[in-house]
C-alpha atoms as a PDB file:
ATOM      1  CA  MET A   1       0.061   0.141  -0.078  1.00  0.00           C
ATOM      2  CA  ALA A   2       0.874   3.409   0.056  1.00  0.00           C
ATOM      3  CA  ILE A   3       4.050   4.935  -0.526  1.00  0.00           C
ATOM      4  CA  ASN A   4       5.967   4.640   2.654  1.00  0.00           C
ATOM      5  CA  GLY A   5       2.993   2.764   4.317  1.00  0.00           C
ATOM      6  CA  GLU A   6       4.272   0.580   7.207  1.00  0.00           C
ATOM      7  CA  PHE A   7       4.042  -2.826   7.669  1.00  0.00           C
ATOM      8  CA  ARG A   8       1.810  -4.187  10.201  1.00  0.00           C
ATOM      9  CA  ALA A   9       4.619  -3.179  12.638  1.00  0.00           C
ATOM     10  CA  LEU A  10       5.268  -3.663  16.474  1.00  0.00           C
ATOM     11  CA  LYS A  11       4.244   0.179  16.938  1.00  0.00           C
ATOM     12  CA  ILE A  12       0.949  -0.213  15.924  1.00  0.00           C
ATOM     13  CA  LYS A  13      -1.327  -1.170  19.032  1.00  0.00           C
ATOM     14  CA  LYS A  14      -2.596  -4.707  19.070  1.00  0.00           C
ATOM     15  CA  TRP A  15      -6.279  -3.757  18.863  1.00  0.00           C
ATOM     16  CA  LEU A  16      -5.437  -1.824  15.515  1.00  0.00           C
ATOM     17  CA  VAL A  17      -3.602  -4.730  14.140  1.00  0.00           C
ATOM     18  CA  LEU A  18      -6.416  -7.074  14.743  1.00  0.00           C
ATOM     19  CA  PHE A  19      -8.818  -4.465  13.227  1.00  0.00           C
ATOM     20  CA  ILE A  20      -7.016  -3.844  10.228  1.00  0.00           C
ATOM     21  CA  LEU A  21      -6.961  -7.934   9.514  1.00  0.00           C
ATOM     22  CA  LEU A  22     -10.748  -8.191  10.357  1.00  0.00           C
ATOM     23  CA  ILE A  23     -12.124  -5.709   7.818  1.00  0.00           C
ATOM     24  CA  TRP A  24      -9.640  -5.167   4.785  1.00  0.00           C
ATOM     25  CA  VAL A  25     -10.395  -7.389   1.717  1.00  0.00           C
ATOM     26  CA  ALA A  26      -7.971  -8.061  -1.136  1.00  0.00           C
ATOM     27  CA  LEU A  27      -9.425  -8.004  -4.782  1.00  0.00           C
ATOM     28  CA  GLU A  28      -7.980  -9.281  -7.953  1.00  0.00           C
ATOM     29  CA  SER A  29     -10.147  -8.641 -10.873  1.00  0.00           C
ATOM     30  CA  LYS A  30      -9.922  -9.568 -14.588  1.00  0.00           C
ATOM     31  CA  ILE A  31     -10.527  -6.826 -16.988  1.00  0.00           C
ATOM     32  CA  ASN A  32     -10.025  -6.792 -20.527  1.00  0.00           C
ATOM     33  CA  GLY A  33      -7.393  -9.636 -20.178  1.00  0.00           C
ATOM     34  CA  HIS A  34      -5.413  -7.931 -17.276  1.00  0.00           C
ATOM     35  CA  SER A  35      -5.344  -8.499 -13.467  1.00  0.00           C
ATOM     36  CA  VAL A  36      -6.309  -5.438 -11.643  1.00  0.00           C
ATOM     37  CA  ARG A  37      -5.476  -5.412  -7.787  1.00  0.00           C
ATOM     38  CA  CYS A  38      -7.720  -3.436  -5.349  1.00  0.00           C
ATOM     39  CA  GLY A  39      -8.993  -3.574  -1.788  1.00  0.00           C
ATOM     40  CA  GLY A  40     -12.504  -3.698  -0.228  1.00  0.00           C
ATOM     41  CA  SER A  41     -14.536  -4.054   2.815  1.00  0.00           C
ATOM     42  CA  LEU A  42     -16.970  -6.699   4.043  1.00  0.00           C
ATOM     43  CA  ILE A  43     -20.197  -4.780   4.739  1.00  0.00           C
ATOM     44  CA  LYS A  44     -22.539  -7.838   4.901  1.00  0.00           C
ATOM     45  CA  VAL A  45     -21.471 -11.477   5.451  1.00  0.00           C
ATOM     46  CA  ASP A  46     -22.073 -11.905   1.551  1.00  0.00           C
ATOM     47  CA  GLN A  47     -21.267  -8.318   0.145  1.00  0.00           C
ATOM     48  CA  VAL A  48     -18.060  -6.659  -0.504  1.00  0.00           C
ATOM     49  CA  LEU A  49     -17.686  -2.709  -0.775  1.00  0.00           C
ATOM     50  CA  THR A  50     -15.283  -1.347  -3.249  1.00  0.00           C
ATOM     51  CA  ALA A  51     -14.670   1.147  -5.879  1.00  0.00           C
ATOM     52  CA  ALA A  52     -16.455   0.918  -9.423  1.00  0.00           C
ATOM     53  CA  PHE A  53     -13.145   1.229 -10.851  1.00  0.00           C
ATOM     54  CA  CYS A  54     -12.206  -2.212  -9.494  1.00  0.00           C
ATOM     55  CA  VAL A  55     -14.976  -4.246 -11.083  1.00  0.00           C
ATOM     56  CA  TYR A  56     -15.959  -2.034 -14.013  1.00  0.00           C
ATOM     57  CA  ASN A  57     -16.049  -4.520 -17.369  1.00  0.00           C
ATOM     58  CA  ALA A  58     -14.584  -7.269 -14.952  1.00  0.00           C
ATOM     59  CA  THR A  59     -15.315 -10.984 -16.064  1.00  0.00           C
ATOM     60  CA  THR A  60     -14.552 -12.407 -12.614  1.00  0.00           C
ATOM     61  CA  THR A  61     -13.017 -10.986  -9.254  1.00  0.00           C
ATOM     62  CA  THR A  62     -11.107 -13.152  -6.807  1.00  0.00           C
ATOM     63  CA  ILE A  63     -11.968 -12.014  -2.968  1.00  0.00           C
ATOM     64  CA  THR A  64      -9.405 -12.904  -0.225  1.00  0.00           C
ATOM     65  CA  LEU A  65     -10.673 -12.307   3.254  1.00  0.00           C
ATOM     66  CA  GLY A  66      -8.741 -12.343   6.528  1.00  0.00           C
ATOM     67  CA  ALA A  67      -5.371 -12.145   4.682  1.00  0.00           C
ATOM     68  CA  HIS A  68      -2.171 -10.302   6.032  1.00  0.00           C
ATOM     69  CA  ASN A  69       0.376 -11.805   3.590  1.00  0.00           C
ATOM     70  CA  LEU A  70      -0.971 -12.596   0.109  1.00  0.00           C
ATOM     71  CA  GLU A  71       1.962 -14.748  -0.724  1.00  0.00           C
ATOM     72  CA  GLU A  72       1.057 -17.090   2.174  1.00  0.00           C
ATOM     73  CA  LYS A  73      -1.895 -19.547   2.684  1.00  0.00           C
ATOM     74  CA  GLU A  74      -2.572 -18.257   6.218  1.00  0.00           C
ATOM     75  CA  ASP A  75      -4.980 -20.293   8.485  1.00  0.00           C
ATOM     76  CA  THR A  76      -7.186 -17.112   8.579  1.00  0.00           C
ATOM     77  CA  GLN A  77      -7.794 -16.693   4.947  1.00  0.00           C
ATOM     78  CA  VAL A  78     -10.962 -17.410   3.030  1.00  0.00           C
ATOM     79  CA  THR A  79     -10.907 -16.912  -1.023  1.00  0.00           C
ATOM     80  CA  LEU A  80     -14.004 -16.611  -2.993  1.00  0.00           C
ATOM     81  CA  GLU A  81     -14.542 -15.618  -6.780  1.00  0.00           C
ATOM     82  CA  SER A  82     -17.640 -13.663  -7.899  1.00  0.00           C
ATOM     83  CA  SER A  83     -18.870 -12.113 -11.264  1.00  0.00           C
ATOM     84  CA  ASN A  84     -22.174 -10.412  -9.590  1.00  0.00           C
ATOM     85  CA  TYR A  85     -21.354  -6.757  -9.303  1.00  0.00           C
ATOM     86  CA  THR A  86     -23.695  -3.998  -8.633  1.00  0.00           C
ATOM     87  CA  ILE A  87     -22.049  -0.682 -10.105  1.00  0.00           C
ATOM     88  CA  HIS A  88     -23.631   2.890  -9.411  1.00  0.00           C
ATOM     89  CA  GLU A  89     -25.393   3.682 -12.213  1.00  0.00           C
ATOM     90  CA  GLU A  90     -23.725   6.937 -12.902  1.00  0.00           C
ATOM     91  CA  TYR A  91     -20.233   6.026 -12.467  1.00  0.00           C
ATOM     92  CA  ASN A  92     -17.803   7.845 -14.943  1.00  0.00           C
ATOM     93  CA  TRP A  93     -14.638   6.047 -15.629  1.00  0.00           C
ATOM     94  CA  THR A  94     -13.198   9.328 -16.853  1.00  0.00           C
ATOM     95  CA  SER A  95     -13.775  11.612 -14.030  1.00  0.00           C
ATOM     96  CA  HIS A  96     -13.968   8.957 -11.077  1.00  0.00           C
ATOM     97  CA  THR A  97     -17.287  10.184 -10.004  1.00  0.00           C
ATOM     98  CA  ASN A  98     -19.531   7.900  -8.195  1.00  0.00           C
ATOM     99  CA  ASP A  99     -16.754   5.373  -7.816  1.00  0.00           C
ATOM    100  CA  ILE A 100     -18.689   2.739  -5.675  1.00  0.00           C
ATOM    101  CA  ALA A 101     -19.755  -0.817  -6.272  1.00  0.00           C
ATOM    102  CA  ILE A 102     -20.754  -3.793  -4.429  1.00  0.00           C
ATOM    103  CA  ILE A 103     -19.627  -7.561  -5.099  1.00  0.00           C
ATOM    104  CA  ARG A 104     -22.042 -10.172  -4.296  1.00  0.00           C
ATOM    105  CA  LEU A 105     -20.312 -13.221  -3.026  1.00  0.00           C
ATOM    106  CA  GLY A 106     -23.207 -15.704  -3.481  1.00  0.00           C
ATOM    107  CA  GLN A 107     -22.602 -17.142  -0.197  1.00  0.00           C
ATOM    108  CA  SER A 108     -22.112 -16.000   3.442  1.00  0.00           C
ATOM    109  CA  VAL A 109     -18.740 -15.730   4.862  1.00  0.00           C
ATOM    110  CA  ASN A 110     -18.288 -17.021   8.384  1.00  0.00           C
ATOM    111  CA  LEU A 111     -17.150 -14.217  10.665  1.00  0.00           C
ATOM    112  CA  THR A 112     -13.905 -15.383  12.664  1.00  0.00           C
ATOM    113  CA  SER A 113     -11.619 -13.786  14.810  1.00  0.00           C
ATOM    114  CA  ALA A 114      -9.944 -12.515  11.471  1.00  0.00           C
ATOM    115  CA  ILE A 115     -12.850 -11.575   9.401  1.00  0.00           C
ATOM    116  CA  SER A 116     -15.579  -9.280  10.342  1.00  0.00           C
ATOM    117  CA  THR A 117     -17.894  -6.787   8.683  1.00  0.00           C
ATOM    118  CA  ILE A 118     -17.983  -2.760   9.186  1.00  0.00           C
ATOM    119  CA  GLU A 119     -20.740  -0.276   9.436  1.00  0.00           C
ATOM    120  CA  THR A 120     -21.114   2.797   6.792  1.00  0.00           C
ATOM    121  CA  PRO A 121     -22.530   6.028   7.926  1.00  0.00           C
ATOM    122  CA  PRO A 122     -26.462   6.252   8.119  1.00  0.00           C
ATOM    123  CA  LEU A 123     -28.375   8.595   6.278  1.00  0.00           C
ATOM    124  CA  LYS A 124     -28.757  10.712   9.292  1.00  0.00           C
ATOM    125  CA  ASP A 125     -25.121  11.486   8.813  1.00  0.00           C
ATOM    126  CA  ILE A 126     -25.492  12.972   5.119  1.00  0.00           C
ATOM    127  CA  LEU A 127     -24.004  16.353   6.306  1.00  0.00           C
ATOM    128  CA  LEU A 128     -20.744  15.151   8.188  1.00  0.00           C
ATOM    129  CA  THR A 129     -17.634  16.158   6.590  1.00  0.00           C
ATOM    130  CA  TYR A 130     -15.213  14.587   9.005  1.00  0.00           C
ATOM    131  CA  ASP A 131     -12.808  17.660   8.263  1.00  0.00           C
ATOM    132  CA  ASP A 132      -9.815  17.378  10.233  1.00  0.00           C
ATOM    133  CA  ASP A 133     -10.404  14.129  11.662  1.00  0.00           C
ATOM    134  CA  LEU A 134      -7.736  11.185  11.927  1.00  0.00           C
ATOM    135  CA  GLY A 135      -8.404   8.179   9.695  1.00  0.00           C
ATOM    136  CA  LEU A 136      -6.799   4.957   8.499  1.00  0.00           C
ATOM    137  CA  VAL A 137      -6.208   3.428   5.398  1.00  0.00           C
ATOM    138  CA  ALA A 138      -4.426   0.294   4.593  1.00  0.00           C
ATOM    139  CA  GLY A 139      -4.095  -2.019   1.764  1.00  0.00           C
ATOM    140  CA  TRP A 140      -1.889  -4.192  -0.631  1.00  0.00           C
ATOM    141  CA  GLY A 141      -1.066  -1.545  -3.366  1.00  0.00           C
ATOM    142  CA  LYS A 142       2.220  -0.274  -4.933  1.00  0.00           C
ATOM    143  CA  TYR A 143       4.776   1.138  -2.370  1.00  0.00           C
ATOM    144  CA  SER A 144       7.152   2.836  -5.044  1.00  0.00           C
ATOM    145  CA  ASP A 145       6.654   5.289  -7.878  1.00  0.00           C
ATOM    146  CA  VAL A 146       9.745   4.129  -9.638  1.00  0.00           C
ATOM    147  CA  GLU A 147       9.131   0.211  -9.630  1.00  0.00           C
ATOM    148  CA  SER A 148       5.853  -1.574 -10.202  1.00  0.00           C
ATOM    149  CA  ILE A 149       5.978  -3.517  -6.985  1.00  0.00           C
ATOM    150  CA  TYR A 150       2.696  -4.355  -5.194  1.00  0.00           C
ATOM    151  CA  SER A 151       3.081  -5.266  -1.472  1.00  0.00           C
ATOM    152  CA  ASN A 152       2.062  -8.899  -0.576  1.00  0.00           C
ATOM    153  CA  VAL A 153       1.851  -7.858   3.088  1.00  0.00           C
ATOM    154  CA  LEU A 154      -0.753  -5.377   4.187  1.00  0.00           C
ATOM    155  CA  ARG A 155       0.461  -1.858   5.022  1.00  0.00           C
ATOM    156  CA  LYS A 156      -1.366   0.774   6.765  1.00  0.00           C
ATOM    157  CA  ILE A 157      -1.199   4.616   6.942  1.00  0.00           C
ATOM    158  CA  GLU A 158      -2.748   7.268   9.138  1.00  0.00           C
ATOM    159  CA  VAL A 159      -4.410  10.050   7.243  1.00  0.00           C
ATOM    160  CA  THR A 160      -6.009  13.534   7.982  1.00  0.00           C
ATOM    161  CA  ILE A 161      -9.360  14.259   6.212  1.00  0.00           C
ATOM    162  CA  ILE A 162      -8.932  17.944   4.856  1.00  0.00           C
ATOM    163  CA  PRO A 163     -11.757  20.388   4.162  1.00  0.00           C
ATOM    164  CA  TYR A 164     -13.297  19.973   0.595  1.00  0.00           C
ATOM    165  CA  LEU A 165     -12.262  23.373  -0.649  1.00  0.00           C
ATOM    166  CA  ALA A 166      -8.510  22.565   0.006  1.00  0.00           C
ATOM    167  CA  CYS A 167      -9.231  19.350  -1.611  1.00  0.00           C
ATOM    168  CA  THR A 168     -10.661  20.517  -4.799  1.00  0.00           C
ATOM    169  CA  ILE A 169      -8.342  23.401  -5.255  1.00  0.00           C
ATOM    170  CA  SER A 170      -5.492  20.893  -5.062  1.00  0.00           C
ATOM    171  CA  TYR A 171      -7.158  19.214  -8.248  1.00  0.00           C
ATOM    172  CA  LEU A 172      -8.143  22.299  -9.975  1.00  0.00           C
ATOM    173  CA  PHE A 173     -11.767  22.297  -8.805  1.00  0.00           C
ATOM    174  CA  LYS A 174     -12.441  18.679 -10.446  1.00  0.00           C
ATOM    175  CA  VAL A 175     -13.246  17.186  -6.896  1.00  0.00           C
ATOM    176  CA  GLN A 176     -16.936  16.563  -6.367  1.00  0.00           C
ATOM    177  CA  GLN A 177     -18.832  17.086  -3.372  1.00  0.00           C
ATOM    178  CA  THR A 178     -19.619  13.477  -3.368  1.00  0.00           C
ATOM    179  CA  GLU A 179     -15.682  12.707  -2.871  1.00  0.00           C
ATOM    180  CA  MET A 180     -13.571  13.689   0.131  1.00  0.00           C
ATOM    181  CA  CYS A 181      -9.557  14.108   0.480  1.00  0.00           C
ATOM    182  CA  THR A 182      -7.159  12.793   2.833  1.00  0.00           C
ATOM    183  CA  THR A 183      -3.228  13.554   3.346  1.00  0.00           C
ATOM    184  CA  GLY A 184      -0.724  11.437   5.037  1.00  0.00           C
ATOM    185  CA  LEU A 185       0.448  12.526   8.465  1.00  0.00           C
ATOM    186  CA  GLN A 186       3.771  12.670   6.875  1.00  0.00           C
ATOM    187  CA  ASN A 187       3.381  13.903   3.298  1.00  0.00           C
ATOM    188  CA  SER A 188       5.338  11.341   1.559  1.00  0.00           C
ATOM    189  CA  LYS A 189       2.626   8.699   2.731  1.00  0.00           C
ATOM    190  CA  ASN A 190      -0.463   8.142   0.548  1.00  0.00           C
ATOM    191  CA  ILE A 191      -2.424   5.396  -1.530  1.00  0.00           C
ATOM    192  CA  CYS A 192      -1.045   4.230  -4.431  1.00  0.00           C
ATOM    193  CA  LEU A 193      -1.901   1.920  -7.547  1.00  0.00           C
ATOM    194  CA  GLY A 194      -3.639  -1.234  -6.098  1.00  0.00           C
ATOM    195  CA  ASP A 195      -5.224   0.587  -3.113  1.00  0.00           C
ATOM    196  CA  SER A 196      -8.472   1.478  -4.873  1.00  0.00           C
ATOM    197  CA  GLY A 197     -11.613   0.399  -3.221  1.00  0.00           C
ATOM    198  CA  SER A 198      -9.747   0.352   0.234  1.00  0.00           C
ATOM    199  CA  PRO A 199     -11.940   1.381   3.026  1.00  0.00           C
ATOM    200  CA  LEU A 200     -11.152   5.025   4.857  1.00  0.00           C
ATOM    201  CA  VAL A 201     -12.046   4.138   8.561  1.00  0.00           C
ATOM    202  CA  VAL A 202     -12.782   7.179  11.261  1.00  0.00           C
ATOM    203  CA  ASN A 203     -13.469   5.890  14.687  1.00  0.00           C
ATOM    204  CA  GLY A 204     -14.267   2.317  13.343  1.00  0.00           C
ATOM    205  CA  THR A 205     -16.577   3.462  10.777  1.00  0.00           C
ATOM    206  CA  GLN A 206     -15.905   3.288   7.169  1.00  0.00           C
ATOM    207  CA  VAL A 207     -16.410   6.808   5.784  1.00  0.00           C
ATOM    208  CA  GLY A 208     -14.789   6.419   2.326  1.00  0.00           C
ATOM    209  CA  ILE A 209     -13.548   4.430  -0.376  1.00  0.00           C
ATOM    210  CA  ALA A 210      -9.998   5.112  -1.795  1.00  0.00           C
ATOM    211  CA  SER A 211     -10.581   6.338  -5.388  1.00  0.00           C
ATOM    212  CA  TYR A 212      -7.692   7.950  -7.091  1.00  0.00           C
ATOM    213  CA  GLY A 213      -4.608  10.177  -6.547  1.00  0.00           C
ATOM    214  CA  SER A 214      -2.239  12.583  -8.308  1.00  0.00           C
ATOM    215  CA  ASP A 215      -1.306  12.027 -11.910  1.00  0.00           C
ATOM    216  CA  PHE A 216       2.348  12.994 -11.178  1.00  0.00           C
ATOM    217  CA  GLY A 217       2.720   9.950  -8.749  1.00  0.00           C
ATOM    218  CA  CYS A 218       1.804   8.654  -5.381  1.00  0.00           C
ATOM    219  CA  SER A 219       4.765  10.356  -3.543  1.00  0.00           C
ATOM    220  CA  VAL A 220       4.358  14.130  -4.630  1.00  0.00           C
ATOM    221  CA  GLY A 221       2.222  15.074  -1.277  1.00  0.00           C
ATOM    222  CA  ALA A 222      -0.933  15.741  -3.307  1.00  0.00           C
ATOM    223  CA  PRO A 223      -4.046  14.749  -1.356  1.00  0.00           C
ATOM    224  CA  ALA A 224      -5.750  11.293  -2.011  1.00  0.00           C
ATOM    225  CA  VAL A 225      -9.369  11.413  -3.182  1.00  0.00           C
ATOM    226  CA  HIS A 226     -11.832   8.994  -1.753  1.00  0.00           C
ATOM    227  CA  THR A 227     -15.575   8.515  -2.423  1.00  0.00           C
ATOM    228  CA  ARG A 228     -17.642  10.112   0.391  1.00  0.00           C
ATOM    229  CA  LEU A 229     -19.905   7.491   1.932  1.00  0.00           C
ATOM    230  CA  THR A 230     -22.362  10.104   3.627  1.00  0.00           C
ATOM    231  CA  ARG A 231     -23.597  11.157   0.248  1.00  0.00           C
ATOM    232  CA  PHE A 232     -24.001   7.313  -0.872  1.00  0.00           C
ATOM    233  CA  ALA A 233     -26.044   6.185   2.186  1.00  0.00           C
ATOM    234  CA  SER A 234     -29.234   6.267   0.400  1.00  0.00           C
ATOM    235  CA  TRP A 235     -27.818   4.387  -2.610  1.00  0.00           C
ATOM    236  CA  LEU A 236     -26.324   1.706  -0.235  1.00  0.00           C
ATOM    237  CA  SER A 237     -29.646   1.511   1.594  1.00  0.00           C
ATOM    238  CA  GLN A 238     -31.306   0.450  -1.602  1.00  0.00           C
ATOM    239  CA  ASN A 239     -28.440  -1.724  -3.089  1.00  0.00           C
ATOM    240  CA  VAL A 240     -27.423  -3.676   0.011  1.00  0.00           C
ATOM    241  CA  GLN A 241     -29.521  -6.662   0.558  1.00  0.00           C
END
């Protein structure tokens, strides 16, 4: 994940280590003959929330839950495949707007000490912005701008949610109010290729979905953009079954 994102390191509190393992889901989609790595979250025992980018035109997606190291067959891991997606009907691949989708697993996953669901904001929280709140993002994305290397180990970064105006100015006013921005507590830390779809978590609630970053790379210090889930509470209530 994340340029300069940390491994599940000793300085992370034990509860946070467990929390990261519990809710983060690894995705590998087949799109136009290529493999696309993403993240996601388990929002129901049979449904994964992710970015529309991760499954748009996908023929199938491999979903791995309860994983820390994707190269190892850990006892905690559960792997499934699905090609049943609900993509936001107004998703725009070019502008990244409405970058939200649900993967239906076709069967219920057993919740364990390493696999759990996470809550998303209710409709009543539609006006919450989370400005200046601290959040957490994790994933198995690239950790270098100069090498096409994906992390096989789940990495995390702590981020700050920045106000919408500062966010959209950074992107020449292209960021929509249905999106939100974060910066790493250290400017060189950010989400990167392979982290799309990963949850942005504040105080145990998923408030965003990692969507995109700067065209100039992951380490330039530009904010990362996430789908703002408070603006999609109604869509989720209609589509999460």
